[in-house]
Amino acid sequence: MERVIKHIRVMVIRGRTFDFSHRTYLMGILNVTPDSFSDGGKYLHVDDAVAHALHMAEEGADIIDVGGESTRPKGVYGEGAKKISAEEEIERVVPVIKKIRMVSDIPISIDTYKSVVADEALKAGADIVNDISGLRFDPTIATVAARHRAPMVVMHIQGTPETMQLNPTYDNVVAEVKEEVRLSAEKAKEAGVETIIVDPGIGFGKNLQHNLLLLKHLREFCDLGYPLLVGTSRKGFIGTLLNLPVNQRLEGTAASVAVAILNGANIVRVHDVKEMKRVVTIVDAVKNA
């Protein structure tokens, strides 16, 4: 299978080279929250969070994505996650980032849509800003990323975490999501961000059919000219298809990760690093054969 790489760029983060023409990279999820849909409460203590980050690095994670505020949607997961203040989010993520940075040089992403949180996280040693809102919730976050010369992930979301799964509606989900992430990337560039990664936002304001269509037509996003990040790990559409709870979605996640990579994903955001590293290795071997 021929690999289309015309849009791929090499990134260097904290001395590590990310050559997207060579292989797919793994972003390990570290939720330091009490209420995330999959692992809320497991890593609230700083030492537990750092130990898990190091464990994921040993298993093959290339980036650790630290998040301090859950975006668990209302509906499938009851009332959904509650918003927290920037101060509380900083209190959760900054000590973890500082302690990881004391013992490891693995690149760290801060999963936030708040500019003040991004600023404090980058000062503490984070390297990448991962904004689920694609600059919609706090546009100044791009200015913060630019000031720190940090790469930025701009993701698509329809609505807000509180409302996104109530009735997501599109005329053409692939075309509309592609255009909106293009506009988000352009805004980031205008703010001075030099390195941009785009994410179609699987599960963020999308129903089952929307998610399937985005995965099926993911390669269309490669035309935008940016590395592509995809996060399907343990998400609701997998549970719907298989009729399985969150803790039994490993195989479904593996299948969706394989599909994403075959259709152009450069980075996959996952909970189960060891298992997904094996999936990535096999799929990359097929793509590069």
C-alpha atoms as a PDB file:
ATOM      1  CA  MET A   1       0.000   0.000   0.000  1.00  0.00           C
ATOM      2  CA  GLU A   2       1.431   3.349  -1.077  1.00  0.00           C
ATOM      3  CA  ARG A   3       1.632   5.911   1.677  1.00  0.00           C
ATOM      4  CA  VAL A   4       0.665   9.469   0.802  1.00  0.00           C
ATOM      5  CA  ILE A   5       3.048  11.778   2.672  1.00  0.00           C
ATOM      6  CA  LYS A   6       2.968  15.011   0.686  1.00  0.00           C
ATOM      7  CA  HIS A   7       1.643  16.912   3.725  1.00  0.00           C
ATOM      8  CA  ILE A   8       3.959  15.388   6.294  1.00  0.00           C
ATOM      9  CA  ARG A   9       6.520  17.444   8.145  1.00  0.00           C
ATOM     10  CA  VAL A  10       9.221  16.529  10.589  1.00  0.00           C
ATOM     11  CA  MET A  11       8.845  17.990  14.079  1.00  0.00           C
ATOM     12  CA  VAL A  12      11.521  18.150  16.745  1.00  0.00           C
ATOM     13  CA  ILE A  13      10.177  18.354  20.295  1.00  0.00           C
ATOM     14  CA  ARG A  14      12.509  18.372  23.291  1.00  0.00           C
ATOM     15  CA  GLY A  15      15.283  16.896  21.163  1.00  0.00           C
ATOM     16  CA  ARG A  16      13.105  14.081  19.818  1.00  0.00           C
ATOM     17  CA  THR A  17      12.448  13.873  16.092  1.00  0.00           C
ATOM     18  CA  PHE A  18       8.925  13.109  14.957  1.00  0.00           C
ATOM     19  CA  ASP A  19       9.266  11.946  11.353  1.00  0.00           C
ATOM     20  CA  PHE A  20       5.709  11.325  10.221  1.00  0.00           C
ATOM     21  CA  SER A  21       6.866   9.727   6.986  1.00  0.00           C
ATOM     22  CA  HIS A  22       8.544   6.996   9.028  1.00  0.00           C
ATOM     23  CA  ARG A  23       5.953   5.802  11.545  1.00  0.00           C
ATOM     24  CA  THR A  24       2.848   6.567  13.587  1.00  0.00           C
ATOM     25  CA  TYR A  25       3.350   8.094  17.031  1.00  0.00           C
ATOM     26  CA  LEU A  26       1.529   7.338  20.271  1.00  0.00           C
ATOM     27  CA  MET A  27       0.096   9.944  22.617  1.00  0.00           C
ATOM     28  CA  GLY A  28      -0.594   8.405  26.026  1.00  0.00           C
ATOM     29  CA  ILE A  29      -3.573   9.789  27.939  1.00  0.00           C
ATOM     30  CA  LEU A  30      -2.999  10.960  31.518  1.00  0.00           C
ATOM     31  CA  ASN A  31      -6.203  12.277  33.091  1.00  0.00           C
ATOM     32  CA  VAL A  32      -5.571  13.877  36.475  1.00  0.00           C
ATOM     33  CA  THR A  33      -9.311  14.260  37.021  1.00  0.00           C
ATOM     34  CA  PRO A  34     -11.925  12.699  39.302  1.00  0.00           C
ATOM     35  CA  ASP A  35     -14.569  12.380  36.587  1.00  0.00           C
ATOM     36  CA  SER A  36     -13.135  11.397  33.198  1.00  0.00           C
ATOM     37  CA  PHE A  37     -15.333   8.872  31.392  1.00  0.00           C
ATOM     38  CA  SER A  38     -12.783   6.063  31.406  1.00  0.00           C
ATOM     39  CA  ASP A  39     -10.224   6.498  34.187  1.00  0.00           C
ATOM     40  CA  GLY A  40     -11.486   9.342  36.348  1.00  0.00           C
ATOM     41  CA  GLY A  41      -9.954   9.348  39.819  1.00  0.00           C
ATOM     42  CA  LYS A  42      -7.196   6.816  39.144  1.00  0.00           C
ATOM     43  CA  TYR A  43      -4.380   9.352  38.873  1.00  0.00           C
ATOM     44  CA  LEU A  44      -5.450  12.247  41.090  1.00  0.00           C
ATOM     45  CA  HIS A  45      -2.410  11.867  43.360  1.00  0.00           C
ATOM     46  CA  VAL A  46       0.728  13.390  41.846  1.00  0.00           C
ATOM     47  CA  ASP A  47       2.902  10.345  42.484  1.00  0.00           C
ATOM     48  CA  ASP A  48       0.325   8.008  40.924  1.00  0.00           C
ATOM     49  CA  ALA A  49       0.052  10.255  37.878  1.00  0.00           C
ATOM     50  CA  VAL A  50       3.800  10.476  37.406  1.00  0.00           C
ATOM     51  CA  ALA A  51       4.219   6.729  37.835  1.00  0.00           C
ATOM     52  CA  HIS A  52       1.587   6.131  35.169  1.00  0.00           C
ATOM     53  CA  ALA A  53       3.253   8.604  32.820  1.00  0.00           C
ATOM     54  CA  LEU A  54       6.573   6.819  33.195  1.00  0.00           C
ATOM     55  CA  HIS A  55       4.864   3.460  32.725  1.00  0.00           C
ATOM     56  CA  MET A  56       3.287   4.643  29.475  1.00  0.00           C
ATOM     57  CA  ALA A  57       6.667   5.932  28.304  1.00  0.00           C
ATOM     58  CA  GLU A  58       8.196   2.515  28.985  1.00  0.00           C
ATOM     59  CA  GLU A  59       5.378   0.881  27.020  1.00  0.00           C
ATOM     60  CA  GLY A  60       6.059   3.032  23.979  1.00  0.00           C
ATOM     61  CA  ALA A  61       4.269   6.367  24.367  1.00  0.00           C
ATOM     62  CA  ASP A  62       5.963   9.175  22.442  1.00  0.00           C
ATOM     63  CA  ILE A  63       3.975  11.976  24.098  1.00  0.00           C
ATOM     64  CA  ILE A  64       2.162  12.200  27.430  1.00  0.00           C
ATOM     65  CA  ASP A  65      -1.079  14.182  27.209  1.00  0.00           C
ATOM     66  CA  VAL A  66      -1.939  15.642  30.619  1.00  0.00           C
ATOM     67  CA  GLY A  67      -5.506  16.798  31.199  1.00  0.00           C
ATOM     68  CA  GLY A  68      -6.952  18.379  34.328  1.00  0.00           C
ATOM     69  CA  GLU A  69     -10.579  18.922  33.296  1.00  0.00           C
ATOM     70  CA  SER A  70     -12.886  16.179  32.084  1.00  0.00           C
ATOM     71  CA  THR A  71     -14.903  16.689  28.908  1.00  0.00           C
ATOM     72  CA  ARG A  72     -17.158  13.688  29.566  1.00  0.00           C
ATOM     73  CA  PRO A  73     -20.362  14.496  27.642  1.00  0.00           C
ATOM     74  CA  LYS A  74     -23.843  14.768  29.023  1.00  0.00           C
ATOM     75  CA  GLY A  75     -26.207  11.998  27.951  1.00  0.00           C
ATOM     76  CA  VAL A  76     -24.296   8.752  27.548  1.00  0.00           C
ATOM     77  CA  TYR A  77     -22.374   9.420  30.766  1.00  0.00           C
ATOM     78  CA  GLY A  78     -25.216  10.824  32.869  1.00  0.00           C
ATOM     79  CA  GLU A  79     -24.992  14.505  33.655  1.00  0.00           C
ATOM     80  CA  GLY A  80     -21.547  14.805  32.165  1.00  0.00           C
ATOM     81  CA  ALA A  81     -18.458  16.417  33.630  1.00  0.00           C
ATOM     82  CA  LYS A  82     -18.572  19.649  35.596  1.00  0.00           C
ATOM     83  CA  LYS A  83     -16.612  22.713  34.558  1.00  0.00           C
ATOM     84  CA  ILE A  84     -13.802  23.752  36.857  1.00  0.00           C
ATOM     85  CA  SER A  85     -11.923  27.001  37.268  1.00  0.00           C
ATOM     86  CA  ALA A  86      -8.580  27.654  35.642  1.00  0.00           C
ATOM     87  CA  GLU A  87      -7.047  27.824  39.108  1.00  0.00           C
ATOM     88  CA  GLU A  88      -8.245  24.336  40.005  1.00  0.00           C
ATOM     89  CA  GLU A  89      -7.095  22.971  36.656  1.00  0.00           C
ATOM     90  CA  ILE A  90      -3.640  24.490  37.193  1.00  0.00           C
ATOM     91  CA  GLU A  91      -3.463  22.961  40.674  1.00  0.00           C
ATOM     92  CA  ARG A  92      -4.117  19.549  39.134  1.00  0.00           C
ATOM     93  CA  VAL A  93      -1.774  19.616  36.144  1.00  0.00           C
ATOM     94  CA  VAL A  94       1.222  21.787  37.005  1.00  0.00           C
ATOM     95  CA  PRO A  95       2.633  19.659  39.871  1.00  0.00           C
ATOM     96  CA  VAL A  96       2.318  16.554  37.679  1.00  0.00           C
ATOM     97  CA  ILE A  97       4.055  18.187  34.731  1.00  0.00           C
ATOM     98  CA  LYS A  98       6.859  19.521  36.934  1.00  0.00           C
ATOM     99  CA  LYS A  99       7.485  16.127  38.498  1.00  0.00           C
ATOM    100  CA  ILE A 100       7.419  14.269  35.174  1.00  0.00           C
ATOM    101  CA  ARG A 101       9.878  16.800  33.824  1.00  0.00           C
ATOM    102  CA  MET A 102      12.206  16.184  36.770  1.00  0.00           C
ATOM    103  CA  VAL A 103      12.583  12.514  35.845  1.00  0.00           C
ATOM    104  CA  SER A 104      11.919  12.300  32.107  1.00  0.00           C
ATOM    105  CA  ASP A 105      12.473  14.211  28.880  1.00  0.00           C
ATOM    106  CA  ILE A 106       9.411  12.729  27.166  1.00  0.00           C
ATOM    107  CA  PRO A 107       7.395  15.409  25.346  1.00  0.00           C
ATOM    108  CA  ILE A 108       4.345  16.516  27.330  1.00  0.00           C
ATOM    109  CA  SER A 109       1.106  17.873  25.920  1.00  0.00           C
ATOM    110  CA  ILE A 110      -1.279  19.975  27.993  1.00  0.00           C
ATOM    111  CA  ASP A 111      -4.879  19.133  27.201  1.00  0.00           C
ATOM    112  CA  THR A 112      -6.712  22.404  27.856  1.00  0.00           C
ATOM    113  CA  TYR A 113      -8.732  25.090  26.123  1.00  0.00           C
ATOM    114  CA  LYS A 114      -7.825  27.809  28.657  1.00  0.00           C
ATOM    115  CA  SER A 115      -4.948  30.146  27.793  1.00  0.00           C
ATOM    116  CA  VAL A 116      -3.908  30.718  31.411  1.00  0.00           C
ATOM    117  CA  VAL A 117      -3.690  26.963  32.032  1.00  0.00           C
ATOM    118  CA  ALA A 118      -1.675  26.464  28.850  1.00  0.00           C
ATOM    119  CA  ASP A 119       0.721  29.238  29.893  1.00  0.00           C
ATOM    120  CA  GLU A 120       1.357  27.784  33.349  1.00  0.00           C
ATOM    121  CA  ALA A 121       1.706  24.253  31.963  1.00  0.00           C
ATOM    122  CA  LEU A 122       4.247  25.360  29.353  1.00  0.00           C
ATOM    123  CA  LYS A 123       6.196  27.240  32.011  1.00  0.00           C
ATOM    124  CA  ALA A 124       6.203  24.043  34.099  1.00  0.00           C
ATOM    125  CA  GLY A 125       7.724  21.996  31.290  1.00  0.00           C
ATOM    126  CA  ALA A 126       4.973  21.033  28.866  1.00  0.00           C
ATOM    127  CA  ASP A 127       5.817  21.219  25.175  1.00  0.00           C
ATOM    128  CA  ILE A 128       2.542  21.043  23.208  1.00  0.00           C
ATOM    129  CA  VAL A 129      -0.886  22.660  23.598  1.00  0.00           C
ATOM    130  CA  ASN A 130      -3.828  20.365  22.809  1.00  0.00           C
ATOM    131  CA  ASP A 131      -6.980  22.481  22.481  1.00  0.00           C
ATOM    132  CA  ILE A 132     -10.230  20.509  22.102  1.00  0.00           C
ATOM    133  CA  SER A 133     -12.070  23.668  21.046  1.00  0.00           C
ATOM    134  CA  GLY A 134      -9.902  24.576  18.084  1.00  0.00           C
ATOM    135  CA  LEU A 135      -9.486  28.118  19.530  1.00  0.00           C
ATOM    136  CA  ARG A 136     -13.258  28.601  19.838  1.00  0.00           C
ATOM    137  CA  PHE A 137     -13.459  28.794  23.633  1.00  0.00           C
ATOM    138  CA  ASP A 138     -10.404  30.979  24.289  1.00  0.00           C
ATOM    139  CA  PRO A 139      -8.734  32.303  21.117  1.00  0.00           C
ATOM    140  CA  THR A 140      -5.812  33.787  23.067  1.00  0.00           C
ATOM    141  CA  ILE A 141      -4.528  30.282  23.721  1.00  0.00           C
ATOM    142  CA  ALA A 142      -2.871  30.415  20.300  1.00  0.00           C
ATOM    143  CA  THR A 143      -0.963  33.538  21.308  1.00  0.00           C
ATOM    144  CA  VAL A 144       0.284  31.707  24.397  1.00  0.00           C
ATOM    145  CA  ALA A 145       1.435  28.739  22.319  1.00  0.00           C
ATOM    146  CA  ALA A 146       3.174  31.057  19.870  1.00  0.00           C
ATOM    147  CA  ARG A 147       4.968  32.926  22.648  1.00  0.00           C
ATOM    148  CA  HIS A 148       6.355  29.649  23.968  1.00  0.00           C
ATOM    149  CA  ARG A 149       7.067  28.418  20.411  1.00  0.00           C
ATOM    150  CA  ALA A 150       4.951  25.383  21.232  1.00  0.00           C
ATOM    151  CA  PRO A 151       3.263  23.144  18.661  1.00  0.00           C
ATOM    152  CA  MET A 152      -0.504  23.187  18.858  1.00  0.00           C
ATOM    153  CA  VAL A 153      -3.226  20.601  18.296  1.00  0.00           C
ATOM    154  CA  VAL A 154      -6.456  22.162  17.052  1.00  0.00           C
ATOM    155  CA  MET A 155      -9.414  19.830  17.403  1.00  0.00           C
ATOM    156  CA  HIS A 156     -12.971  20.080  16.125  1.00  0.00           C
ATOM    157  CA  ILE A 157     -15.932  20.159  18.463  1.00  0.00           C
ATOM    158  CA  GLN A 158     -19.560  20.979  17.766  1.00  0.00           C
ATOM    159  CA  GLY A 159     -21.119  22.723  20.752  1.00  0.00           C
ATOM    160  CA  THR A 160     -19.553  22.396  24.192  1.00  0.00           C
ATOM    161  CA  PRO A 161     -18.731  19.352  26.326  1.00  0.00           C
ATOM    162  CA  GLU A 162     -22.031  19.925  28.138  1.00  0.00           C
ATOM    163  CA  THR A 163     -24.133  19.940  24.960  1.00  0.00           C
ATOM    164  CA  MET A 164     -22.087  18.274  22.229  1.00  0.00           C
ATOM    165  CA  GLN A 165     -23.766  14.862  22.303  1.00  0.00           C
ATOM    166  CA  LEU A 166     -27.371  15.995  22.722  1.00  0.00           C
ATOM    167  CA  ASN A 167     -28.156  16.352  19.012  1.00  0.00           C
ATOM    168  CA  PRO A 168     -25.090  16.752  16.788  1.00  0.00           C
ATOM    169  CA  THR A 169     -26.169  17.702  13.260  1.00  0.00           C
ATOM    170  CA  TYR A 170     -24.324  18.135   9.953  1.00  0.00           C
ATOM    171  CA  ASP A 171     -25.255  18.296   6.290  1.00  0.00           C
ATOM    172  CA  ASN A 172     -21.874  16.808   5.311  1.00  0.00           C
ATOM    173  CA  VAL A 173     -19.865  15.895   8.377  1.00  0.00           C
ATOM    174  CA  VAL A 174     -16.542  15.277   6.608  1.00  0.00           C
ATOM    175  CA  ALA A 175     -16.604  18.508   4.591  1.00  0.00           C
ATOM    176  CA  GLU A 176     -17.835  20.621   7.491  1.00  0.00           C
ATOM    177  CA  VAL A 177     -15.373  19.283  10.060  1.00  0.00           C
ATOM    178  CA  LYS A 178     -12.513  19.578   7.569  1.00  0.00           C
ATOM    179  CA  GLU A 179     -13.365  23.208   6.853  1.00  0.00           C
ATOM    180  CA  GLU A 180     -13.681  24.108  10.517  1.00  0.00           C
ATOM    181  CA  VAL A 181     -10.336  22.583  11.488  1.00  0.00           C
ATOM    182  CA  ARG A 182      -8.782  24.353   8.485  1.00  0.00           C
ATOM    183  CA  LEU A 183     -10.075  27.657   9.795  1.00  0.00           C
ATOM    184  CA  SER A 184      -8.824  26.860  13.306  1.00  0.00           C
ATOM    185  CA  ALA A 185      -5.388  26.043  11.927  1.00  0.00           C
ATOM    186  CA  GLU A 186      -5.339  29.306   9.961  1.00  0.00           C
ATOM    187  CA  LYS A 187      -6.192  31.272  13.103  1.00  0.00           C
ATOM    188  CA  ALA A 188      -3.370  29.536  14.956  1.00  0.00           C
ATOM    189  CA  LYS A 189      -0.965  30.414  12.141  1.00  0.00           C
ATOM    190  CA  GLU A 190      -2.108  34.033  12.189  1.00  0.00           C
ATOM    191  CA  ALA A 191      -1.364  34.117  15.931  1.00  0.00           C
ATOM    192  CA  GLY A 192       2.177  32.963  15.233  1.00  0.00           C
ATOM    193  CA  VAL A 193       1.992  29.219  15.926  1.00  0.00           C
ATOM    194  CA  GLU A 194       4.584  27.574  13.693  1.00  0.00           C
ATOM    195  CA  THR A 195       3.724  23.903  14.121  1.00  0.00           C
ATOM    196  CA  ILE A 196       0.083  22.805  13.940  1.00  0.00           C
ATOM    197  CA  ILE A 197      -1.543  19.390  14.227  1.00  0.00           C
ATOM    198  CA  VAL A 198      -5.212  18.881  13.354  1.00  0.00           C
ATOM    199  CA  ASP A 199      -7.713  16.535  15.007  1.00  0.00           C
ATOM    200  CA  PRO A 200     -11.242  15.845  13.653  1.00  0.00           C
ATOM    201  CA  GLY A 201     -12.534  15.327  17.198  1.00  0.00           C
ATOM    202  CA  ILE A 202     -14.008  11.838  17.127  1.00  0.00           C
ATOM    203  CA  GLY A 203     -16.863  11.749  19.653  1.00  0.00           C
ATOM    204  CA  PHE A 204     -16.928  15.506  20.216  1.00  0.00           C
ATOM    205  CA  GLY A 205     -20.281  16.580  18.847  1.00  0.00           C
ATOM    206  CA  LYS A 206     -20.679  13.569  16.567  1.00  0.00           C
ATOM    207  CA  ASN A 207     -23.102  10.665  16.554  1.00  0.00           C
ATOM    208  CA  LEU A 208     -22.249   7.090  15.605  1.00  0.00           C
ATOM    209  CA  GLN A 209     -22.603   7.632  11.855  1.00  0.00           C
ATOM    210  CA  HIS A 210     -20.606  10.863  11.975  1.00  0.00           C
ATOM    211  CA  ASN A 211     -17.710   9.113  13.699  1.00  0.00           C
ATOM    212  CA  LEU A 212     -17.734   6.221  11.233  1.00  0.00           C
ATOM    213  CA  LEU A 213     -17.776   8.567   8.247  1.00  0.00           C
ATOM    214  CA  LEU A 214     -14.902  10.626   9.627  1.00  0.00           C
ATOM    215  CA  LEU A 215     -12.792   7.500  10.110  1.00  0.00           C
ATOM    216  CA  LYS A 216     -13.733   6.167   6.679  1.00  0.00           C
ATOM    217  CA  HIS A 217     -12.838   9.433   4.932  1.00  0.00           C
ATOM    218  CA  LEU A 218     -10.009  10.512   7.232  1.00  0.00           C
ATOM    219  CA  ARG A 219      -7.538  10.759   4.373  1.00  0.00           C
ATOM    220  CA  GLU A 220      -9.346  13.844   3.125  1.00  0.00           C
ATOM    221  CA  PHE A 221      -7.915  15.694   6.131  1.00  0.00           C
ATOM    222  CA  CYS A 222      -4.402  15.007   4.860  1.00  0.00           C
ATOM    223  CA  ASP A 223      -5.067  17.567   2.114  1.00  0.00           C
ATOM    224  CA  LEU A 224      -4.968  20.314   4.737  1.00  0.00           C
ATOM    225  CA  GLY A 225      -1.196  20.008   4.954  1.00  0.00           C
ATOM    226  CA  TYR A 226      -0.854  19.290   8.671  1.00  0.00           C
ATOM    227  CA  PRO A 227      -0.010  16.189  10.701  1.00  0.00           C
ATOM    228  CA  LEU A 228      -3.195  14.421  11.763  1.00  0.00           C
ATOM    229  CA  LEU A 229      -4.041  13.292  15.301  1.00  0.00           C
ATOM    230  CA  VAL A 230      -6.944  10.930  15.991  1.00  0.00           C
ATOM    231  CA  GLY A 231      -8.369   9.856  19.345  1.00  0.00           C
ATOM    232  CA  THR A 232     -10.820   6.948  19.398  1.00  0.00           C
ATOM    233  CA  SER A 233      -9.675   5.215  22.581  1.00  0.00           C
ATOM    234  CA  ARG A 234     -12.545   3.566  24.505  1.00  0.00           C
ATOM    235  CA  LYS A 235     -15.038   6.067  23.107  1.00  0.00           C
ATOM    236  CA  GLY A 236     -18.799   5.799  23.114  1.00  0.00           C
ATOM    237  CA  PHE A 237     -19.216   4.848  19.460  1.00  0.00           C
ATOM    238  CA  ILE A 238     -17.176   1.704  20.139  1.00  0.00           C
ATOM    239  CA  GLY A 239     -19.406   0.868  23.081  1.00  0.00           C
ATOM    240  CA  THR A 240     -22.494   1.424  20.943  1.00  0.00           C
ATOM    241  CA  LEU A 241     -21.292  -0.844  18.142  1.00  0.00           C
ATOM    242  CA  LEU A 242     -20.168  -3.633  20.461  1.00  0.00           C
ATOM    243  CA  ASN A 243     -22.646  -3.060  23.283  1.00  0.00           C
ATOM    244  CA  LEU A 244     -19.779  -3.001  25.761  1.00  0.00           C
ATOM    245  CA  PRO A 245     -18.867  -0.825  28.769  1.00  0.00           C
ATOM    246  CA  VAL A 246     -15.797   1.391  28.830  1.00  0.00           C
ATOM    247  CA  ASN A 247     -13.543  -1.213  30.432  1.00  0.00           C
ATOM    248  CA  GLN A 248     -14.214  -3.757  27.669  1.00  0.00           C
ATOM    249  CA  ARG A 249     -13.438  -1.696  24.582  1.00  0.00           C
ATOM    250  CA  LEU A 250      -9.819  -2.717  23.983  1.00  0.00           C
ATOM    251  CA  GLU A 251     -10.429  -4.709  20.794  1.00  0.00           C
ATOM    252  CA  GLY A 252     -12.771  -2.067  19.409  1.00  0.00           C
ATOM    253  CA  THR A 253     -10.189   0.589  20.124  1.00  0.00           C
ATOM    254  CA  ALA A 254      -7.515  -1.488  18.398  1.00  0.00           C
ATOM    255  CA  ALA A 255      -9.667  -1.849  15.285  1.00  0.00           C
ATOM    256  CA  SER A 256     -10.437   1.875  15.161  1.00  0.00           C
ATOM    257  CA  VAL A 257      -6.759   2.767  15.651  1.00  0.00           C
ATOM    258  CA  ALA A 258      -5.787   0.456  12.783  1.00  0.00           C
ATOM    259  CA  VAL A 259      -8.406   2.058  10.523  1.00  0.00           C
ATOM    260  CA  ALA A 260      -7.256   5.552  11.500  1.00  0.00           C
ATOM    261  CA  ILE A 261      -3.623   4.802  10.692  1.00  0.00           C
ATOM    262  CA  LEU A 262      -4.457   3.150   7.371  1.00  0.00           C
ATOM    263  CA  ASN A 263      -6.467   6.247   6.496  1.00  0.00           C
ATOM    264  CA  GLY A 264      -3.760   8.763   7.304  1.00  0.00           C
ATOM    265  CA  ALA A 265      -3.427   9.362  11.057  1.00  0.00           C
ATOM    266  CA  ASN A 266       0.070  10.348  12.170  1.00  0.00           C
ATOM    267  CA  ILE A 267      -0.542  10.376  15.928  1.00  0.00           C
ATOM    268  CA  VAL A 268      -3.059   8.271  17.843  1.00  0.00           C
ATOM    269  CA  ARG A 269      -4.188   9.266  21.327  1.00  0.00           C
ATOM    270  CA  VAL A 270      -4.716   6.182  23.511  1.00  0.00           C
ATOM    271  CA  HIS A 271      -5.197   4.863  27.042  1.00  0.00           C
ATOM    272  CA  ASP A 272      -3.772   1.367  26.464  1.00  0.00           C
ATOM    273  CA  VAL A 273      -0.272   2.145  25.265  1.00  0.00           C
ATOM    274  CA  LYS A 274       1.273  -1.346  25.318  1.00  0.00           C
ATOM    275  CA  GLU A 275      -1.514  -2.908  23.282  1.00  0.00           C
ATOM    276  CA  MET A 276      -1.836  -0.005  20.849  1.00  0.00           C
ATOM    277  CA  LYS A 277       1.926   0.059  20.320  1.00  0.00           C
ATOM    278  CA  ARG A 278       1.586  -3.478  18.982  1.00  0.00           C
ATOM    279  CA  VAL A 279      -1.274  -2.434  16.715  1.00  0.00           C
ATOM    280  CA  VAL A 280       0.687   0.554  15.410  1.00  0.00           C
ATOM    281  CA  THR A 281       3.759  -1.568  14.734  1.00  0.00           C
ATOM    282  CA  ILE A 282       1.833  -4.033  12.579  1.00  0.00           C
ATOM    283  CA  VAL A 283      -0.159  -1.404  10.671  1.00  0.00           C
ATOM    284  CA  ASP A 284       2.936   0.702   9.998  1.00  0.00           C
ATOM    285  CA  ALA A 285       4.750  -2.391   8.681  1.00  0.00           C
ATOM    286  CA  VAL A 286       1.897  -3.016   6.237  1.00  0.00           C
ATOM    287  CA  LYS A 287       1.793   0.627   5.130  1.00  0.00           C
ATOM    288  CA  ASN A 288       5.543   0.808   4.627  1.00  0.00           C
ATOM    289  CA  ALA A 289       5.944  -2.579   2.904  1.00  0.00           C
END
